[in-house]
Amino acid sequence: MHSHIAFIGGGNMASAILQGLLQQGYARERISVVEPFADTRALLAQRFGVQAEPAAGEFLRAADLVVWAVKPQTFQEAASQVQGFTPAALHLSVAAGIPSRSIARWLGSERIVRAMPNTPALIGRGITAFFARDGVQQADRQQVEQVMHSTGETLWVETEARLDAVTAVSGSGPAYVFYFMEAMMAAGTDMGLSPAQARQLTLATFAGASELARASEDPPDVLRQRVTSKGGTTFAAITAMDAAGMRASFQRALQAACDRARTLGDEFGAG
């Protein structure tokens, strides 16, 4: 990969991708960033040694790939400033909620890949789903996969509507894990553990259970049943959760996230 990459926005997700690219040996001279905030520009220059500019300009004409990492509400305005400099570029959007049809309209291009990453990308343990418009070629797909590879796993969906489900499951998913971690830690301290002990036990349990599920060929329900002896402690906990309707409530919560993702897409892409 020898293209010049331009980032529009230099926040956390852009920084995660930048760090991954540099760790892969990508030349920092082939990376530029448009970032309006001076403090963030200074941090990017100090941390990564890349060109960081306050606004779009002629330097963007060198970009073969443009990575959009802006806030959804500022995307359209940023696109109006950039599109004149990037008529032939491939565009990769990691901006939440902006439908690709709107990006294509704002940029005057069909070479659009829309991505839904999640925050574990910050430590290289994320997962990103992609959707490509018809103007995207196989080589383009390979390029965006290579760019995002260092942030974690990747997968493609064939219809853009499925990105709403991706948002609900993995995009918002880390927050659900943290939510249950909070509850487990609070329960542990209520039962007499120190906060440090409750934290250590909770984090190790989540990490270990995830790795066990990943390593096993058995589905989660089978793994759960192996821990759940009739009349035992785990059985008491699962029975209490079932009685509270926790599974159905959790599934409704994910549906609410999916519905909200669809609504935000309509709102942000209306311009």
Protein backbone atom coordinates (compact mmCIF):
# COMPACT_ATOMS: atom_id res chain seq x y z
CA MET A 1 0.00 0.00 0.00
CA HIS A 2 1.73 3.15 -1.23
CA SER A 3 -1.13 5.64 -1.40
CA HIS A 4 -1.32 8.98 0.34
CA ILE A 5 -3.95 8.93 3.09
CA ALA A 6 -5.75 12.02 4.33
CA PHE A 7 -7.74 12.04 7.55
CA ILE A 8 -10.57 14.50 7.99
CA GLY A 9 -10.74 14.75 11.76
CA GLY A 10 -7.99 13.76 14.16
CA GLY A 11 -9.82 12.46 17.24
CA ASN A 12 -9.65 9.11 19.02
CA MET A 13 -10.67 6.85 16.14
CA ALA A 14 -8.41 8.63 13.67
CA SER A 15 -5.56 8.34 16.17
CA ALA A 16 -6.18 4.61 16.58
CA ILE A 17 -5.99 4.10 12.81
CA LEU A 18 -2.94 6.36 12.52
CA GLN A 19 -1.12 4.44 15.21
CA GLY A 20 -1.90 1.16 13.49
CA LEU A 21 -0.68 2.42 10.13
CA LEU A 22 2.61 3.63 11.58
CA GLN A 23 3.09 0.34 13.43
CA GLN A 24 2.66 -1.41 10.07
CA GLY A 25 5.54 0.67 8.75
CA TYR A 26 3.47 3.14 6.77
CA ALA A 27 5.45 6.29 5.94
CA ARG A 28 4.26 9.28 7.98
CA GLU A 29 5.18 11.48 5.01
CA ARG A 30 2.26 9.86 3.17
CA ILE A 31 -0.28 10.86 5.82
CA SER A 32 -1.99 14.19 6.33
CA VAL A 33 -4.74 15.27 8.71
CA VAL A 34 -7.28 18.08 8.64
CA GLU A 35 -8.04 19.02 12.26
CA PRO A 36 -9.51 22.42 13.19
CA PHE A 37 -8.55 22.31 16.88
CA ALA A 38 -5.03 23.58 17.55
CA ASP A 39 -4.43 21.45 20.65
CA THR A 40 -5.37 18.28 18.78
CA ARG A 41 -3.15 19.26 15.84
CA ALA A 42 -0.22 19.78 18.16
CA LEU A 43 -0.83 16.40 19.78
CA LEU A 44 -1.00 14.66 16.40
CA ALA A 45 2.26 16.26 15.28
CA GLN A 46 3.98 15.39 18.56
CA ARG A 47 2.66 11.84 18.84
CA PHE A 48 2.77 10.73 15.21
CA GLY A 49 4.89 13.27 13.35
CA VAL A 50 2.28 13.68 10.62
CA GLN A 51 1.23 16.77 8.69
CA ALA A 52 -1.76 18.32 10.46
CA GLU A 53 -3.54 21.30 8.93
CA PRO A 54 -6.39 23.46 10.28
CA ALA A 55 -8.43 23.36 7.06
CA ALA A 56 -8.73 21.66 3.70
CA GLY A 57 -6.32 22.79 1.01
CA GLU A 58 -4.30 21.87 -2.07
CA PHE A 59 -2.32 19.26 -0.12
CA LEU A 60 -5.42 17.03 -0.23
CA ARG A 61 -5.03 16.54 -3.98
CA ALA A 62 -2.29 14.01 -3.22
CA ALA A 63 -4.71 11.80 -1.29
CA ASP A 64 -5.71 8.47 -2.83
CA LEU A 65 -7.73 7.58 0.26
CA VAL A 66 -9.69 9.97 2.48
CA VAL A 67 -10.69 8.72 5.94
CA TRP A 68 -13.65 10.61 7.38
CA ALA A 69 -13.43 10.69 11.18
CA VAL A 70 -15.54 13.77 11.89
CA LYS A 71 -18.53 14.21 14.15
CA PRO A 72 -21.75 13.37 12.26
CA GLN A 73 -23.19 16.87 12.65
CA THR A 74 -20.12 18.45 10.99
CA PHE A 75 -19.76 15.98 8.10
CA GLN A 76 -21.70 17.91 5.46
CA GLU A 77 -19.87 21.17 6.10
CA ALA A 78 -16.49 19.41 6.06
CA ALA A 79 -17.42 17.62 2.83
CA SER A 80 -18.22 20.92 1.13
CA GLN A 81 -14.69 22.14 1.92
CA VAL A 82 -12.92 18.92 0.90
CA GLN A 83 -14.75 17.59 -2.16
CA GLY A 84 -13.13 20.00 -4.63
CA PHE A 85 -9.68 18.63 -3.78
CA THR A 86 -10.48 14.89 -3.87
CA PRO A 87 -12.42 14.14 -7.07
CA ALA A 88 -10.77 10.75 -7.71
CA ALA A 89 -10.12 9.56 -4.15
CA LEU A 90 -11.55 6.56 -2.37
CA HIS A 91 -13.51 7.62 0.73
CA LEU A 92 -13.74 5.63 3.96
CA SER A 93 -16.19 6.96 6.54
CA VAL A 94 -15.99 5.95 10.19
CA ALA A 95 -18.46 8.69 11.13
CA ALA A 96 -21.44 7.18 12.94
CA GLY A 97 -24.91 7.54 11.48
CA ILE A 98 -24.18 9.15 8.10
CA PRO A 99 -25.68 7.04 5.28
CA SER A 100 -23.46 6.45 2.28
CA ARG A 101 -26.04 7.95 -0.09
CA SER A 102 -25.59 11.31 1.66
CA ILE A 103 -21.80 11.03 1.60
CA ALA A 104 -21.92 10.20 -2.11
CA ARG A 105 -24.13 13.22 -2.76
CA TRP A 106 -22.00 15.61 -0.71
CA LEU A 107 -18.73 14.42 -2.27
CA GLY A 108 -19.96 13.75 -5.81
CA SER A 109 -18.45 10.25 -5.75
CA GLU A 110 -19.61 6.63 -5.62
CA ARG A 111 -16.26 5.36 -4.28
CA ILE A 112 -17.60 5.30 -0.74
CA VAL A 113 -17.01 2.70 1.97
CA ARG A 114 -18.91 3.20 5.18
CA ALA A 115 -17.44 1.59 8.30
CA MET A 116 -18.76 0.88 11.80
CA PRO A 117 -15.84 0.34 14.20
CA ASN A 118 -15.97 0.15 17.99
CA THR A 119 -13.86 1.59 20.78
CA PRO A 120 -11.63 -1.47 21.46
CA ALA A 121 -10.01 -0.39 18.18
CA LEU A 122 -8.08 2.00 20.42
CA ILE A 123 -6.07 -1.00 21.70
CA GLY A 124 -6.14 -3.04 18.49
CA ARG A 125 -8.94 -5.32 19.72
CA GLY A 126 -11.92 -3.82 17.90
CA ILE A 127 -14.10 -5.08 15.10
CA THR A 128 -15.17 -3.03 12.09
CA ALA A 129 -17.97 -3.80 9.65
CA PHE A 130 -17.87 -2.30 6.14
CA PHE A 131 -20.44 -1.53 3.49
CA ALA A 132 -19.31 -0.58 -0.02
CA ARG A 133 -21.25 1.34 -2.65
CA ASP A 134 -21.31 0.11 -6.24
CA GLY A 135 -18.41 2.34 -7.29
CA VAL A 136 -16.00 0.53 -4.96
CA GLN A 137 -13.70 -2.01 -6.63
CA GLN A 138 -12.11 -5.11 -5.11
CA ALA A 139 -8.77 -3.33 -4.82
CA ASP A 140 -10.52 -0.57 -2.89
CA ARG A 141 -11.95 -3.13 -0.48
CA GLN A 142 -8.51 -4.59 0.08
CA GLN A 143 -7.10 -1.15 0.75
CA VAL A 144 -9.62 -0.24 3.46
CA GLU A 145 -9.21 -3.67 5.05
CA GLN A 146 -5.47 -3.10 5.22
CA VAL A 147 -5.93 0.35 6.74
CA MET A 148 -8.28 -0.94 9.44
CA HIS A 149 -6.56 -4.29 10.02
CA SER A 150 -4.38 -3.06 12.87
CA THR A 151 -7.43 -1.90 14.84
CA GLY A 152 -8.84 -5.44 15.05
CA GLU A 153 -11.10 -7.74 13.05
CA THR A 154 -13.09 -6.77 9.96
CA LEU A 155 -16.14 -8.02 8.09
CA TRP A 156 -18.33 -6.88 5.19
CA VAL A 157 -22.11 -6.57 5.06
CA GLU A 158 -23.92 -6.62 1.73
CA THR A 159 -26.72 -4.19 2.57
CA GLU A 160 -26.24 -0.88 4.32
CA ALA A 161 -29.29 -1.44 6.55
CA ARG A 162 -27.33 -4.17 8.31
CA LEU A 163 -24.91 -1.55 9.60
CA ASP A 164 -27.72 -0.45 11.95
CA ALA A 165 -27.68 -3.94 13.46
CA VAL A 166 -23.87 -3.84 13.59
CA THR A 167 -24.12 -0.54 15.44
CA ALA A 168 -26.51 -2.08 17.97
CA VAL A 169 -24.44 -5.24 18.51
CA SER A 170 -20.78 -4.22 18.29
CA GLY A 171 -20.71 -0.44 17.86
CA SER A 172 -22.58 0.16 21.11
CA GLY A 173 -21.64 -3.27 22.47
CA PRO A 174 -18.66 -2.25 24.62
CA ALA A 175 -20.99 -0.05 26.67
CA TYR A 176 -23.19 -3.07 27.46
CA VAL A 177 -20.16 -4.99 28.67
CA PHE A 178 -19.08 -2.08 30.85
CA TYR A 179 -22.65 -1.81 32.18
CA PHE A 180 -22.62 -5.42 33.35
CA MET A 181 -19.10 -4.97 34.72
CA GLU A 182 -20.37 -2.06 36.82
CA ALA A 183 -23.17 -4.23 38.19
CA MET A 184 -20.85 -7.15 39.00
CA MET A 185 -18.33 -4.91 40.73
CA ALA A 186 -21.08 -3.23 42.77
CA ALA A 187 -22.52 -6.61 43.75
CA GLY A 188 -19.08 -7.85 44.76
CA THR A 189 -18.47 -4.90 47.06
CA ASP A 190 -21.99 -5.23 48.50
CA MET A 191 -21.12 -8.83 49.41
CA GLY A 192 -17.95 -7.84 51.23
CA LEU A 193 -15.18 -7.77 48.64
CA SER A 194 -12.92 -4.75 48.41
CA PRO A 195 -13.41 -2.57 45.30
CA ALA A 196 -10.01 -3.71 44.02
CA GLN A 197 -10.90 -7.37 44.51
CA ALA A 198 -14.30 -6.94 42.83
CA ARG A 199 -12.66 -5.19 39.88
CA GLN A 200 -9.96 -7.83 39.45
CA LEU A 201 -12.46 -10.69 39.62
CA THR A 202 -14.88 -9.02 37.21
CA LEU A 203 -12.33 -8.05 34.57
CA ALA A 204 -10.65 -11.46 34.66
CA THR A 205 -14.02 -13.21 34.39
CA PHE A 206 -15.12 -11.21 31.34
CA ALA A 207 -11.76 -11.62 29.63
CA GLY A 208 -11.56 -15.34 30.39
CA ALA A 209 -15.13 -16.11 29.38
CA SER A 210 -14.67 -14.25 26.09
CA GLU A 211 -11.48 -16.13 25.29
CA LEU A 212 -13.10 -19.45 26.22
CA ALA A 213 -16.05 -18.72 23.92
CA ARG A 214 -13.66 -17.75 21.12
CA ALA A 215 -11.54 -20.88 21.56
CA SER A 216 -14.50 -23.28 21.82
CA GLU A 217 -16.50 -24.76 18.96
CA ASP A 218 -19.55 -24.88 21.25
CA PRO A 219 -22.12 -22.06 21.25
CA PRO A 220 -22.54 -19.86 24.35
CA ASP A 221 -25.67 -21.66 25.54
CA VAL A 222 -23.74 -24.94 25.77
CA LEU A 223 -20.87 -23.24 27.61
CA ARG A 224 -23.37 -21.67 30.00
CA GLN A 225 -25.08 -25.00 30.69
CA ARG A 226 -21.75 -26.56 31.62
CA VAL A 227 -21.36 -24.02 34.43
CA THR A 228 -24.98 -24.34 35.57
CA SER A 229 -25.55 -27.32 37.85
CA LYS A 230 -29.18 -27.96 38.80
CA GLY A 231 -29.82 -26.41 42.18
CA GLY A 232 -26.37 -24.81 42.38
CA THR A 233 -25.22 -21.22 42.74
CA THR A 234 -25.11 -20.45 39.02
CA PHE A 235 -28.56 -22.00 38.62
CA ALA A 236 -29.86 -19.65 41.32
CA ALA A 237 -28.41 -16.63 39.53
CA ILE A 238 -29.69 -17.62 36.07
CA THR A 239 -33.13 -18.43 37.48
CA ALA A 240 -33.28 -14.97 39.08
CA MET A 241 -32.28 -13.29 35.84
CA ASP A 242 -34.83 -15.28 33.85
CA ALA A 243 -37.54 -14.40 36.37
CA ALA A 244 -36.68 -10.72 35.91
CA GLY A 245 -36.98 -11.03 32.12
CA MET A 246 -33.38 -9.97 31.65
CA ARG A 247 -32.80 -11.75 28.34
CA ALA A 248 -35.90 -10.26 26.71
CA SER A 249 -35.11 -6.82 28.13
CA PHE A 250 -31.57 -6.99 26.79
CA GLN A 251 -32.77 -7.99 23.34
CA ARG A 252 -35.26 -5.12 23.37
CA ALA A 253 -32.43 -2.79 24.33
CA LEU A 254 -30.41 -3.82 21.29
CA GLN A 255 -33.46 -3.35 19.08
CA ALA A 256 -33.83 0.16 20.50
CA ALA A 257 -30.20 0.87 19.61
CA CYS A 258 -30.78 -0.43 16.07
CA ASP A 259 -33.91 1.72 15.68
CA ARG A 260 -32.04 4.78 16.96
CA ALA A 261 -29.17 4.16 14.53
CA ARG A 262 -31.69 4.16 11.67
CA THR A 263 -33.29 7.38 12.92
CA LEU A 264 -29.94 9.13 13.32
CA GLY A 265 -29.03 8.13 9.79
CA ASP A 266 -32.16 9.82 8.51
CA GLU A 267 -31.48 12.93 10.60
CA PHE A 268 -27.79 13.37 9.81
CA GLY A 269 -28.14 12.47 6.16
CA ALA A 270 -31.02 14.81 5.43
CA GLY A 271 -28.91 17.72 4.22
